[in-house]
C-alpha atoms as a PDB file:
ATOM      1  CA  MET A   1      -5.474   5.900 -45.676  1.00  0.00           C
ATOM      2  CA  ASP A   2      -4.826   8.333 -48.527  1.00  0.00           C
ATOM      3  CA  THR A   3      -1.656   9.940 -47.318  1.00  0.00           C
ATOM      4  CA  GLN A   4      -1.316  12.246 -49.955  1.00  0.00           C
ATOM      5  CA  GLY A   5      -4.762  13.553 -50.099  1.00  0.00           C
ATOM      6  CA  ASP A   6      -4.845  13.984 -46.201  1.00  0.00           C
ATOM      7  CA  ILE A   7      -1.680  16.062 -46.291  1.00  0.00           C
ATOM      8  CA  GLY A   8      -2.996  18.129 -49.352  1.00  0.00           C
ATOM      9  CA  LYS A   9      -6.509  18.675 -47.519  1.00  0.00           C
ATOM     10  CA  ALA A  10      -4.334  19.766 -44.624  1.00  0.00           C
ATOM     11  CA  LEU A  11      -2.402  22.290 -45.916  1.00  0.00           C
ATOM     12  CA  ALA A  12      -5.066  23.707 -48.164  1.00  0.00           C
ATOM     13  CA  ARG A  13      -6.786  24.219 -44.948  1.00  0.00           C
ATOM     14  CA  LEU A  14      -3.810  26.027 -43.047  1.00  0.00           C
ATOM     15  CA  LYS A  15      -3.774  28.376 -46.173  1.00  0.00           C
ATOM     16  CA  GLN A  16      -7.418  29.098 -45.606  1.00  0.00           C
ATOM     17  CA  MET A  17      -7.197  30.066 -42.090  1.00  0.00           C
ATOM     18  CA  ALA A  18      -3.531  31.556 -42.255  1.00  0.00           C
ATOM     19  CA  HIS A  19      -4.082  34.113 -44.924  1.00  0.00           C
ATOM     20  CA  SER A  20      -0.749  35.579 -44.682  1.00  0.00           C
ATOM     21  CA  GLY A  21       0.925  32.534 -44.687  1.00  0.00           C
ATOM     22  CA  TYR A  22       2.971  29.863 -42.645  1.00  0.00           C
ATOM     23  CA  ALA A  23       6.173  27.570 -42.102  1.00  0.00           C
ATOM     24  CA  ILE A  24       5.980  24.010 -41.060  1.00  0.00           C
ATOM     25  CA  ALA A  25       8.862  22.078 -40.577  1.00  0.00           C
ATOM     26  CA  LEU A  26       8.365  18.753 -39.638  1.00  0.00           C
ATOM     27  CA  HIS A  27      10.410  16.004 -37.939  1.00  0.00           C
ATOM     28  CA  ILE A  28      13.540  18.352 -37.277  1.00  0.00           C
ATOM     29  CA  GLN A  29      16.923  16.459 -36.608  1.00  0.00           C
ATOM     30  CA  PHE A  30      20.167  18.363 -36.545  1.00  0.00           C
ATOM     31  CA  ASN A  31      18.303  21.658 -37.182  1.00  0.00           C
ATOM     32  CA  ALA A  32      17.407  20.412 -40.563  1.00  0.00           C
ATOM     33  CA  PRO A  33      13.385  19.408 -41.315  1.00  0.00           C
ATOM     34  CA  ALA A  34      12.647  16.369 -42.690  1.00  0.00           C
ATOM     35  CA  TYR A  35       9.880  18.269 -44.770  1.00  0.00           C
ATOM     36  CA  LEU A  36       9.415  21.901 -44.971  1.00  0.00           C
ATOM     37  CA  PHE A  37       6.131  23.572 -46.310  1.00  0.00           C
ATOM     38  CA  GLN A  38       6.584  27.619 -46.471  1.00  0.00           C
ATOM     39  CA  ALA A  39       3.299  29.385 -47.789  1.00  0.00           C
ATOM     40  CA  TYR A  40       4.883  33.042 -46.921  1.00  0.00           C
ATOM     41  CA  PRO A  41       5.013  35.405 -49.638  1.00  0.00           C
ATOM     42  CA  ARG A  42       7.978  34.996 -52.016  1.00  0.00           C
ATOM     43  CA  ASP A  43       9.539  38.384 -51.397  1.00  0.00           C
ATOM     44  CA  TRP A  44       9.288  37.564 -47.520  1.00  0.00           C
ATOM     45  CA  THR A  45      10.757  34.210 -47.977  1.00  0.00           C
ATOM     46  CA  ASP A  46      13.920  35.528 -49.852  1.00  0.00           C
ATOM     47  CA  PHE A  47      14.460  38.447 -47.419  1.00  0.00           C
ATOM     48  CA  TYR A  48      14.398  36.040 -44.553  1.00  0.00           C
ATOM     49  CA  SER A  49      16.673  33.666 -46.261  1.00  0.00           C
ATOM     50  CA  GLN A  50      19.048  36.610 -47.649  1.00  0.00           C
ATOM     51  CA  ASN A  51      19.320  37.915 -44.392  1.00  0.00           C
ATOM     52  CA  GLY A  52      19.952  35.001 -42.390  1.00  0.00           C
ATOM     53  CA  LEU A  53      16.994  35.694 -39.935  1.00  0.00           C
ATOM     54  CA  VAL A  54      16.293  32.173 -39.139  1.00  0.00           C
ATOM     55  CA  MET A  55      19.215  32.429 -36.615  1.00  0.00           C
ATOM     56  CA  ARG A  56      17.820  35.482 -35.068  1.00  0.00           C
ATOM     57  CA  ASP A  57      14.103  34.509 -35.415  1.00  0.00           C
ATOM     58  CA  PRO A  58      12.334  34.414 -31.695  1.00  0.00           C
ATOM     59  CA  THR A  59       9.441  31.941 -33.225  1.00  0.00           C
ATOM     60  CA  VAL A  60      12.340  29.502 -34.227  1.00  0.00           C
ATOM     61  CA  HIS A  61      14.308  29.612 -30.701  1.00  0.00           C
ATOM     62  CA  TRP A  62      11.040  29.188 -28.935  1.00  0.00           C
ATOM     63  CA  GLY A  63       9.812  26.357 -31.007  1.00  0.00           C
ATOM     64  CA  PHE A  64      13.350  24.581 -29.975  1.00  0.00           C
ATOM     65  CA  GLU A  65      12.995  25.097 -26.307  1.00  0.00           C
ATOM     66  CA  HIS A  66       9.271  24.840 -25.772  1.00  0.00           C
ATOM     67  CA  THR A  67       6.321  22.928 -26.748  1.00  0.00           C
ATOM     68  CA  GLY A  68       2.323  24.223 -27.299  1.00  0.00           C
ATOM     69  CA  THR A  69       1.462  27.515 -28.814  1.00  0.00           C
ATOM     70  CA  ILE A  70       2.682  31.222 -28.364  1.00  0.00           C
ATOM     71  CA  LEU A  71       1.670  34.572 -29.686  1.00  0.00           C
ATOM     72  CA  TRP A  72       4.234  36.455 -31.756  1.00  0.00           C
ATOM     73  CA  SER A  73       3.298  39.302 -29.599  1.00  0.00           C
ATOM     74  CA  ASP A  74       4.191  37.516 -26.665  1.00  0.00           C
ATOM     75  CA  LEU A  75       7.797  36.900 -28.183  1.00  0.00           C
ATOM     76  CA  VAL A  76       8.422  40.890 -29.356  1.00  0.00           C
ATOM     77  CA  PRO A  77      10.295  41.331 -25.753  1.00  0.00           C
ATOM     78  CA  HIS A  78      12.839  38.593 -26.753  1.00  0.00           C
ATOM     79  CA  ASP A  79      13.139  39.570 -30.689  1.00  0.00           C
ATOM     80  CA  ASP A  80      16.425  41.662 -30.334  1.00  0.00           C
ATOM     81  CA  ALA A  81      16.832  41.509 -34.196  1.00  0.00           C
ATOM     82  CA  GLY A  82      13.381  43.202 -34.912  1.00  0.00           C
ATOM     83  CA  VAL A  83      12.346  39.791 -37.129  1.00  0.00           C
ATOM     84  CA  ILE A  84       8.488  40.156 -35.798  1.00  0.00           C
ATOM     85  CA  ALA A  85       8.239  43.802 -36.904  1.00  0.00           C
ATOM     86  CA  LEU A  86      10.227  43.185 -40.295  1.00  0.00           C
ATOM     87  CA  ALA A  87       7.668  40.635 -41.006  1.00  0.00           C
ATOM     88  CA  ALA A  88       4.547  42.881 -39.919  1.00  0.00           C
ATOM     89  CA  ALA A  89       5.871  45.210 -42.246  1.00  0.00           C
ATOM     90  CA  ARG A  90       5.491  43.024 -45.243  1.00  0.00           C
ATOM     91  CA  GLY A  91       1.862  42.219 -44.095  1.00  0.00           C
ATOM     92  CA  ILE A  92       2.914  38.813 -42.173  1.00  0.00           C
ATOM     93  CA  ALA A  93       1.420  39.690 -38.881  1.00  0.00           C
ATOM     94  CA  ASN A  94      -0.955  38.564 -36.001  1.00  0.00           C
ATOM     95  CA  GLY A  95       1.134  35.427 -36.126  1.00  0.00           C
ATOM     96  CA  PHE A  96       1.530  32.421 -33.490  1.00  0.00           C
ATOM     97  CA  THR A  97       4.014  29.512 -33.107  1.00  0.00           C
ATOM     98  CA  TYR A  98       3.295  25.771 -32.480  1.00  0.00           C
ATOM     99  CA  ALA A  99       5.675  23.355 -31.459  1.00  0.00           C
ATOM    100  CA  THR A 100       5.114  19.793 -30.975  1.00  0.00           C
ATOM    101  CA  ASP A 101       7.492  16.747 -29.777  1.00  0.00           C
ATOM    102  CA  ALA A 102       6.141  13.756 -30.049  1.00  0.00           C
ATOM    103  CA  GLY A 103       7.409  10.049 -30.940  1.00  0.00           C
ATOM    104  CA  ASN A 104      10.968  11.577 -30.417  1.00  0.00           C
ATOM    105  CA  SER A 105      10.473  13.868 -33.017  1.00  0.00           C
ATOM    106  CA  ARG A 106      10.209  17.806 -33.275  1.00  0.00           C
ATOM    107  CA  SER A 107       7.963  19.937 -35.467  1.00  0.00           C
ATOM    108  CA  VAL A 108       7.709  23.628 -35.417  1.00  0.00           C
ATOM    109  CA  SER A 109       5.285  25.566 -37.382  1.00  0.00           C
ATOM    110  CA  SER A 110       4.526  29.458 -37.532  1.00  0.00           C
ATOM    111  CA  PHE A 111       1.115  30.504 -38.608  1.00  0.00           C
ATOM    112  CA  ALA A 112       0.069  34.428 -39.546  1.00  0.00           C
ATOM    113  CA  LYS A 113      -3.384  35.923 -40.364  1.00  0.00           C
ATOM    114  CA  GLY A 114      -2.546  39.484 -41.342  1.00  0.00           C
ATOM    115  CA  THR A 115      -5.232  41.526 -40.423  1.00  0.00           C
ATOM    116  CA  THR A 116      -6.682  39.995 -36.641  1.00  0.00           C
ATOM    117  CA  PRO A 117      -5.256  37.872 -34.386  1.00  0.00           C
ATOM    118  CA  PHE A 118      -6.102  34.444 -34.347  1.00  0.00           C
ATOM    119  CA  THR A 119      -8.857  33.208 -32.129  1.00  0.00           C
ATOM    120  CA  PRO A 120      -8.271  30.466 -29.309  1.00  0.00           C
ATOM    121  CA  ALA A 121     -10.205  28.042 -31.510  1.00  0.00           C
ATOM    122  CA  GLU A 122      -8.669  28.889 -34.690  1.00  0.00           C
ATOM    123  CA  MET A 123      -5.247  28.381 -33.061  1.00  0.00           C
ATOM    124  CA  ALA A 124      -6.612  24.927 -31.503  1.00  0.00           C
ATOM    125  CA  GLU A 125      -7.855  23.802 -34.868  1.00  0.00           C
ATOM    126  CA  ILE A 126      -4.375  24.625 -36.837  1.00  0.00           C
ATOM    127  CA  ALA A 127      -2.607  22.889 -34.071  1.00  0.00           C
ATOM    128  CA  GLY A 128      -4.689  19.884 -34.525  1.00  0.00           C
ATOM    129  CA  LEU A 129      -3.925  20.275 -38.141  1.00  0.00           C
ATOM    130  CA  ALA A 130       0.120  20.539 -37.352  1.00  0.00           C
ATOM    131  CA  ASP A 131      -0.325  17.498 -35.294  1.00  0.00           C
ATOM    132  CA  GLN A 132      -1.950  15.560 -37.878  1.00  0.00           C
ATOM    133  CA  LEU A 133       0.818  16.645 -40.400  1.00  0.00           C
ATOM    134  CA  HIS A 134       3.459  15.625 -37.818  1.00  0.00           C
ATOM    135  CA  ASP A 135       1.398  12.110 -37.395  1.00  0.00           C
ATOM    136  CA  ILE A 136       1.140  11.312 -40.879  1.00  0.00           C
ATOM    137  CA  THR A 137       4.822  11.599 -41.761  1.00  0.00           C
ATOM    138  CA  ALA A 138       6.241  10.546 -38.660  1.00  0.00           C
ATOM    139  CA  ASN A 139       7.447   7.136 -39.985  1.00  0.00           C
ATOM    140  CA  ARG A 140       9.034   7.855 -43.223  1.00  0.00           C
ATOM    141  CA  GLU A 141       9.988   4.303 -43.602  1.00  0.00           C
ATOM    142  CA  SER A 142       6.103   3.114 -43.695  1.00  0.00           C
ATOM    143  CA  LEU A 143       5.508   5.697 -46.470  1.00  0.00           C
ATOM    144  CA  SER A 144       5.423   4.549 -50.019  1.00  0.00           C
ATOM    145  CA  ALA A 145       8.638   5.838 -51.997  1.00  0.00           C
ATOM    146  CA  GLU A 146       5.691   7.522 -54.253  1.00  0.00           C
ATOM    147  CA  THR A 147       4.363   9.102 -51.328  1.00  0.00           C
ATOM    148  CA  ARG A 148       7.852  10.374 -50.127  1.00  0.00           C
ATOM    149  CA  GLU A 149       8.600  11.543 -53.563  1.00  0.00           C
ATOM    150  CA  HIS A 150       5.171  13.389 -53.631  1.00  0.00           C
ATOM    151  CA  LEU A 151       5.630  15.022 -50.209  1.00  0.00           C
ATOM    152  CA  ARG A 152       9.427  16.246 -51.268  1.00  0.00           C
ATOM    153  CA  GLN A 153       8.018  17.711 -54.705  1.00  0.00           C
ATOM    154  CA  MET A 154       4.973  19.079 -52.433  1.00  0.00           C
ATOM    155  CA  SER A 155       7.582  20.657 -49.987  1.00  0.00           C
ATOM    156  CA  ILE A 156       9.510  22.203 -53.028  1.00  0.00           C
ATOM    157  CA  SER A 157       6.483  23.687 -54.813  1.00  0.00           C
ATOM    158  CA  PHE A 158       5.317  25.258 -51.373  1.00  0.00           C
ATOM    159  CA  THR A 159       8.467  26.416 -50.758  1.00  0.00           C
ATOM    160  CA  HIS A 160       9.842  27.514 -54.132  1.00  0.00           C
ATOM    161  CA  PRO A 161       6.486  28.029 -56.199  1.00  0.00           C
ATOM    162  CA  THR A 162       7.122  28.983 -59.984  1.00  0.00           C
ATOM    163  CA  LYS A 163       4.501  30.268 -62.398  1.00  0.00           C
ATOM    164  CA  THR A 164       3.708  26.757 -63.378  1.00  0.00           C
ATOM    165  CA  GLN A 165       3.226  25.430 -60.014  1.00  0.00           C
ATOM    166  CA  PRO A 166      -0.042  26.278 -58.264  1.00  0.00           C
ATOM    167  CA  LYS A 167       0.281  27.229 -54.630  1.00  0.00           C
ATOM    168  CA  VAL A 168      -2.569  25.937 -52.442  1.00  0.00           C
END
């Protein structure tokens, strides 16, 4: 199995499908993921971080309490801080959240398309890719040191891209 290649292909496909970006938090323990991949625009991730929106984000709350998928539009009534509207104002709209809890490990992901809502078939494909990423990275001890370092570097480059680091 080409773990690094499989992860790269899955992330590239997710970027194709989620035009406005995504955030994938894999294997969350004590509120911190083992791996975090973000492909949202930098101005949004900066704004989100600077304003501590993770603590008020209804997609995050839902992902910690449920499994499966939910459209962001269904979370608006629970969005007292207006996080979903703030994201939409920056072109990050028509999204959904997917959470899985498999192998005693929880992963939470959100995806945005921008112009049109995701179809049920697109949501199912994206959930399958998220499951694949969850499964590939589930047993960190079985991953080679090289693969773990590559994942760490990929996580950094997706989350904090620079001019010299290409985004997938």
